């Protein structure tokens, strides 16, 4: 492929202009709430979750927009910055509620030289779920991303907290002061915690995403509003591409063909992500886009099926 104006492969140093990045790859990352095109029944699911104060569990393939919906809801309803808890196999409910730096506190005590000046406040911080459960006039927006990546016990561990909307910080229930201010997960804001108990006054708007890689218990599912992202159609993908990129008339036919092929592959059962399509459209409609065999090679490179190495 000789189309790229950047790397040539001859080892000769040169100055290059990489141009502007795609809108979805600018940093610091910006919210894509304006570009997101929610299906009509997803809007209904969001409203049901808001009205019933229930978490919304969205299942769908990677890159289908599952995590973007909460950004749009938070913007429209003025819920503030989205709190994020990205799940791994090592994630625990405890870390999502609060973090306690016991070693840092012990070290500070040794530096002070006496117990009387001990202060626990600098060593406790709310986690994303703990922050979402702090008292507030409006619900906080919390994304629990890829919950199907968790160990088997974590969804069950969530049940009690999601049902009762409260939890206890044992280190503060035993502390000499009744009221301790604890930092929130985002920024430097803090809130008072009385006798170590956090009780929400407004249940947060929680979106949990799943790639459909595991099943959940009936007890967990009945506490959620569930929604499965639909297979996109040619028309919906046209709208999504148009929301992210300005497509000129000269490229409209080739982009339509690319979208139709993408939908055909999805319908046949291939695993592809929306951002792969956006990447391909971006490259193939650029000012110095690849042509002919190069265009075909780039298309194959960018739209490789995700379940294959």
Protein backbone atom coordinates (compact mmCIF):
# COMPACT_ATOMS: atom_id res chain seq x y z
CA UNK A 1 0.00 0.00 0.00
CA UNK A 2 1.59 3.24 -1.16
CA UNK A 3 -1.27 5.68 -0.57
CA UNK A 4 -0.40 6.76 3.00
CA UNK A 5 1.36 10.16 3.15
CA UNK A 6 3.01 9.38 6.52
CA UNK A 7 5.12 6.28 7.03
CA UNK A 8 6.92 5.03 3.91
CA UNK A 9 9.27 2.42 5.35
CA UNK A 10 12.62 3.70 4.04
CA UNK A 11 13.99 4.79 7.45
CA UNK A 12 14.58 8.39 6.25
CA UNK A 13 13.56 11.06 8.86
CA UNK A 14 11.03 13.57 7.52
CA UNK A 15 8.51 16.09 8.77
CA UNK A 16 4.89 15.02 8.27
CA UNK A 17 1.51 16.58 8.89
CA UNK A 18 -0.82 13.94 10.32
CA UNK A 19 -3.85 16.17 9.85
CA UNK A 20 -6.81 16.25 12.19
CA UNK A 21 -7.84 13.04 13.97
CA UNK A 22 -11.31 11.56 13.54
CA UNK A 23 -13.90 13.25 15.80
CA UNK A 24 -14.13 10.11 17.94
CA UNK A 25 -10.33 10.00 18.47
CA UNK A 26 -9.71 13.53 19.78
CA UNK A 27 -8.16 13.92 23.23
CA UNK A 28 -9.06 14.81 25.89
CA UNK A 29 -12.03 12.71 24.86
CA UNK A 30 -15.22 14.61 24.19
CA UNK A 31 -18.72 13.32 24.67
CA UNK A 32 -20.44 12.01 21.53
CA UNK A 33 -23.92 12.66 22.89
CA UNK A 34 -24.89 14.84 19.94
CA UNK A 35 -23.81 12.25 17.38
CA UNK A 36 -25.46 9.26 19.07
CA UNK A 37 -28.56 7.99 17.26
CA UNK A 38 -30.59 5.90 19.73
CA UNK A 39 -33.15 3.37 18.48
CA UNK A 40 -36.70 4.36 19.42
CA UNK A 41 -37.18 1.40 21.74
CA UNK A 42 -33.94 2.24 23.57
CA UNK A 43 -35.47 5.62 24.39
CA UNK A 44 -38.42 3.77 25.90
CA UNK A 45 -36.10 1.55 27.95
CA UNK A 46 -34.22 4.59 29.28
CA UNK A 47 -37.44 6.29 30.30
CA UNK A 48 -38.65 3.13 32.03
CA UNK A 49 -35.38 2.88 33.98
CA UNK A 50 -35.63 6.55 34.99
CA UNK A 51 -39.27 6.29 36.04
CA UNK A 52 -38.84 3.05 38.00
CA UNK A 53 -35.43 3.94 39.47
CA UNK A 54 -34.01 0.68 38.13
CA UNK A 55 -30.62 0.00 36.51
CA UNK A 56 -30.65 -0.35 32.72
CA UNK A 57 -28.80 -3.42 31.40
CA UNK A 58 -27.87 -2.98 27.73
CA UNK A 59 -26.57 -5.98 25.79
CA UNK A 60 -24.94 -5.76 22.41
CA UNK A 61 -21.71 -6.22 20.45
CA UNK A 62 -18.65 -3.99 20.99
CA UNK A 63 -18.91 -0.57 19.37
CA UNK A 64 -22.72 -0.60 19.14
CA UNK A 65 -23.15 2.54 21.27
CA UNK A 66 -24.09 0.86 24.57
CA UNK A 67 -21.98 3.17 26.71
CA UNK A 68 -22.76 6.34 24.74
CA UNK A 69 -26.42 6.45 25.70
CA UNK A 70 -25.62 7.43 29.29
CA UNK A 71 -23.61 10.43 28.07
CA UNK A 72 -26.63 11.59 26.08
CA UNK A 73 -29.01 11.09 29.01
CA UNK A 74 -26.67 12.90 31.41
CA UNK A 75 -26.40 15.85 29.02
CA UNK A 76 -30.13 16.10 28.28
CA UNK A 77 -31.22 15.80 31.91
CA UNK A 78 -28.31 17.83 33.35
CA UNK A 79 -27.17 15.00 35.62
CA UNK A 80 -23.53 16.13 35.68
CA UNK A 81 -20.41 14.21 34.70
CA UNK A 82 -20.82 10.49 34.11
CA UNK A 83 -19.23 8.29 36.77
CA UNK A 84 -17.53 5.26 35.22
CA UNK A 85 -16.71 1.85 36.65
CA UNK A 86 -14.98 -0.35 34.08
CA UNK A 87 -15.31 -3.99 35.10
CA UNK A 88 -12.51 -6.55 34.94
CA UNK A 89 -12.26 -10.07 36.34
CA UNK A 90 -10.62 -8.57 39.45
CA UNK A 91 -13.27 -5.93 40.15
CA UNK A 92 -14.99 -6.04 43.54
CA UNK A 93 -18.04 -4.35 45.01
CA UNK A 94 -15.87 -2.92 47.80
CA UNK A 95 -13.63 -0.95 45.43
CA UNK A 96 -16.66 0.55 43.71
CA UNK A 97 -18.03 1.85 47.01
CA UNK A 98 -14.96 3.42 48.61
CA UNK A 99 -11.16 3.23 48.77
CA UNK A 100 -9.27 3.34 52.06
CA UNK A 101 -5.52 3.93 52.05
CA UNK A 102 -4.61 2.17 55.29
CA UNK A 103 -0.87 2.15 54.60
CA UNK A 104 -0.86 5.87 53.83
CA UNK A 105 -2.62 6.57 57.10
CA UNK A 106 -0.15 4.44 59.09
CA UNK A 107 2.74 6.25 57.44
CA UNK A 108 1.21 9.64 58.30
CA UNK A 109 0.73 8.56 61.91
CA UNK A 110 4.39 7.63 62.17
CA UNK A 111 5.44 10.98 60.76
CA UNK A 112 3.20 12.82 63.24
CA UNK A 113 4.66 10.79 66.09
CA UNK A 114 1.49 10.68 68.16
CA UNK A 115 -2.04 9.39 67.73
CA UNK A 116 -3.83 12.55 68.79
CA UNK A 117 -3.38 14.32 65.43
CA UNK A 118 -4.68 11.35 63.44
CA UNK A 119 -7.12 12.36 60.65
CA UNK A 120 -8.78 9.75 58.46
CA UNK A 121 -10.30 12.14 55.89
CA UNK A 122 -7.30 12.34 53.50
CA UNK A 123 -7.16 8.56 53.24
CA UNK A 124 -10.75 7.72 52.25
CA UNK A 125 -12.30 8.36 48.85
CA UNK A 126 -15.61 7.26 47.44
CA UNK A 127 -15.57 4.88 44.49
CA UNK A 128 -17.81 5.46 41.46
CA UNK A 129 -20.80 3.53 42.86
CA UNK A 130 -20.30 5.03 46.32
CA UNK A 131 -20.29 8.53 44.83
CA UNK A 132 -23.46 7.79 42.87
CA UNK A 133 -25.19 6.79 46.13
CA UNK A 134 -24.33 9.99 48.00
CA UNK A 135 -27.32 12.23 48.82
CA UNK A 136 -28.21 14.47 45.87
CA UNK A 137 -31.11 16.47 44.45
CA UNK A 138 -30.76 14.84 41.03
CA UNK A 139 -29.69 11.27 40.30
CA UNK A 140 -26.03 10.79 39.43
CA UNK A 141 -25.26 9.01 36.15
CA UNK A 142 -23.16 5.85 36.60
CA UNK A 143 -21.82 3.59 33.85
CA UNK A 144 -20.92 0.05 34.91
CA UNK A 145 -19.13 -1.02 31.76
CA UNK A 146 -18.80 -4.65 30.58
CA UNK A 147 -20.30 -6.26 33.65
CA UNK A 148 -20.10 -9.64 31.93
CA UNK A 149 -16.31 -9.45 32.38
CA UNK A 150 -16.70 -9.69 36.17
CA UNK A 151 -16.21 -12.78 38.27
CA UNK A 152 -19.31 -14.87 38.96
CA UNK A 153 -20.09 -13.30 42.35
CA UNK A 154 -20.01 -9.58 41.53
CA UNK A 155 -23.52 -9.23 40.03
CA UNK A 156 -24.96 -10.96 43.10
CA UNK A 157 -22.86 -8.74 45.37
CA UNK A 158 -24.46 -5.71 43.70
CA UNK A 159 -28.01 -6.81 44.51
CA UNK A 160 -28.15 -5.67 48.12
CA UNK A 161 -26.65 -2.24 47.39
CA UNK A 162 -28.92 -1.67 44.39
CA UNK A 163 -32.00 -2.69 46.36
CA UNK A 164 -31.33 -0.72 49.54
CA UNK A 165 -29.43 2.23 48.07
CA UNK A 166 -27.08 2.38 51.04
CA UNK A 167 -23.89 0.93 52.44
CA UNK A 168 -21.58 1.22 55.43
CA UNK A 169 -17.94 2.27 55.69
CA UNK A 170 -16.65 0.21 58.64
CA UNK A 171 -13.56 2.37 59.14
CA UNK A 172 -15.83 5.35 59.82
CA UNK A 173 -18.35 3.58 62.07
CA UNK A 174 -15.46 2.99 64.50
CA UNK A 175 -13.93 6.45 64.08
CA UNK A 176 -13.87 8.92 66.96
CA UNK A 177 -15.71 11.63 64.99
CA UNK A 178 -19.38 11.22 64.11
CA UNK A 179 -19.15 13.22 60.87
CA UNK A 180 -16.33 12.79 58.33
CA UNK A 181 -16.12 14.49 54.96
CA UNK A 182 -15.22 12.04 52.20
CA UNK A 183 -13.98 12.97 48.72
CA UNK A 184 -16.09 12.03 45.74
CA UNK A 185 -14.78 9.90 42.87
CA UNK A 186 -14.52 12.82 40.43
CA UNK A 187 -12.74 16.04 41.35
CA UNK A 188 -12.07 17.45 44.80
CA UNK A 189 -15.64 17.77 46.05
CA UNK A 190 -16.48 16.08 49.33
CA UNK A 191 -19.61 15.24 51.28
CA UNK A 192 -20.23 14.52 54.96
CA UNK A 193 -20.74 10.91 55.97
CA UNK A 194 -22.50 10.47 59.30
CA UNK A 195 -21.50 7.53 61.50
CA UNK A 196 -20.05 5.73 58.51
CA UNK A 197 -23.36 5.23 56.67
CA UNK A 198 -24.03 6.39 53.10
CA UNK A 199 -27.72 6.55 52.15
CA UNK A 200 -28.89 7.82 48.77
CA UNK A 201 -31.80 10.23 48.60
CA UNK A 202 -32.23 9.88 44.83
CA UNK A 203 -31.41 6.56 43.21
CA UNK A 204 -28.75 7.03 40.51
CA UNK A 205 -29.33 6.46 36.81
CA UNK A 206 -27.24 3.35 36.23
CA UNK A 207 -26.41 1.86 32.84
CA UNK A 208 -24.74 -1.55 32.87
CA UNK A 209 -23.34 -2.82 29.57
CA UNK A 210 -22.79 -6.41 28.50
CA UNK A 211 -21.33 -7.94 25.35
CA UNK A 212 -23.55 -10.98 25.84
CA UNK A 213 -20.66 -13.23 26.82
CA UNK A 214 -22.37 -14.75 29.89
CA UNK A 215 -25.73 -15.31 31.53
CA UNK A 216 -26.93 -13.60 34.71
CA UNK A 217 -29.09 -14.95 37.51
CA UNK A 218 -32.84 -14.38 37.48
CA UNK A 219 -32.51 -12.48 40.77
CA UNK A 220 -30.13 -10.02 39.11
CA UNK A 221 -32.12 -9.69 35.87
CA UNK A 222 -35.45 -9.00 37.56
CA UNK A 223 -33.96 -5.93 39.21
CA UNK A 224 -32.95 -4.44 35.85
CA UNK A 225 -34.65 -2.96 32.83
CA UNK A 226 -33.14 -5.03 30.01
CA UNK A 227 -32.49 -3.94 26.43
CA UNK A 228 -30.66 -5.62 23.55
CA UNK A 229 -29.14 -3.44 20.84
CA UNK A 230 -30.71 -4.31 17.46
CA UNK A 231 -28.73 -5.25 14.37
CA UNK A 232 -28.33 -1.91 12.56
CA UNK A 233 -30.01 -1.35 9.21
CA UNK A 234 -28.57 0.42 6.19
CA UNK A 235 -30.69 3.47 6.98
CA UNK A 236 -29.63 3.71 10.63
CA UNK A 237 -25.97 3.34 9.67
CA UNK A 238 -26.32 6.08 7.07
CA UNK A 239 -27.65 8.38 9.77
CA UNK A 240 -24.86 7.43 12.18
CA UNK A 241 -22.13 7.98 9.58
CA UNK A 242 -23.67 11.33 8.61
CA UNK A 243 -23.74 12.38 12.28
CA UNK A 244 -19.99 11.74 12.63
CA UNK A 245 -18.62 12.62 9.19
CA UNK A 246 -19.37 15.00 6.36
CA UNK A 247 -19.70 12.83 3.25
CA UNK A 248 -19.41 14.61 -0.10
CA UNK A 249 -21.62 13.77 -3.05
CA UNK A 250 -18.75 12.15 -4.93
CA UNK A 251 -18.26 9.61 -2.15
CA UNK A 252 -21.92 8.90 -1.33
CA UNK A 253 -22.25 5.93 -3.68
CA UNK A 254 -19.09 4.20 -2.44
CA UNK A 255 -20.04 4.85 1.21
CA UNK A 256 -23.52 3.40 0.61
CA UNK A 257 -21.90 0.28 -0.88
CA UNK A 258 -19.59 0.01 2.13
CA UNK A 259 -22.54 0.31 4.52
CA UNK A 260 -24.61 -2.27 2.61
CA UNK A 261 -21.72 -4.74 2.70
CA UNK A 262 -21.23 -4.07 6.43
CA UNK A 263 -24.90 -4.82 7.17
CA UNK A 264 -24.80 -7.95 5.02
CA UNK A 265 -21.82 -9.26 6.96
CA UNK A 266 -23.51 -8.48 10.31
CA UNK A 267 -26.68 -10.26 9.19
CA UNK A 268 -24.67 -13.33 8.19
CA UNK A 269 -23.34 -13.57 11.75
CA UNK A 270 -19.94 -11.87 11.52
CA UNK A 271 -18.73 -9.88 14.52
CA UNK A 272 -18.05 -6.29 13.50
CA UNK A 273 -18.14 -3.00 15.42
CA UNK A 274 -19.59 0.33 14.37
CA UNK A 275 -16.31 2.13 14.93
CA UNK A 276 -14.70 -0.15 12.34
CA UNK A 277 -17.17 1.13 9.76
CA UNK A 278 -16.51 4.74 10.78
CA UNK A 279 -12.75 4.14 10.51
CA UNK A 280 -13.13 2.72 7.00
CA UNK A 281 -15.37 5.56 5.84
CA UNK A 282 -12.98 8.13 7.29
CA UNK A 283 -9.94 6.70 5.47
CA UNK A 284 -11.66 5.94 2.17
CA UNK A 285 -13.20 9.42 1.87
CA UNK A 286 -10.10 11.39 2.92
CA UNK A 287 -8.41 13.89 0.62
CA UNK A 288 -5.61 11.45 -0.22
CA UNK A 289 -7.68 8.30 0.01
CA UNK A 290 -6.36 4.98 -1.29
CA UNK A 291 -7.56 3.95 -4.72
CA UNK A 292 -8.03 0.66 -6.58
CA UNK A 293 -6.23 -2.30 -5.03
CA UNK A 294 -4.98 -0.11 -2.18
CA UNK A 295 -8.57 0.81 -1.27
CA UNK A 296 -9.55 -2.86 -1.25
CA UNK A 297 -6.57 -3.77 0.95
CA UNK A 298 -7.35 -0.98 3.43
CA UNK A 299 -11.01 -2.00 3.57
CA UNK A 300 -10.03 -5.58 4.43
CA UNK A 301 -7.58 -4.30 7.05
CA UNK A 302 -10.09 -2.05 8.81
CA UNK A 303 -13.12 -4.35 8.59
CA UNK A 304 -11.56 -7.58 9.80
CA UNK A 305 -13.97 -9.82 11.65
CA UNK A 306 -13.46 -9.40 15.42
CA UNK A 307 -13.60 -13.05 16.38
CA UNK A 308 -10.59 -13.84 14.19
CA UNK A 309 -6.95 -13.13 15.02
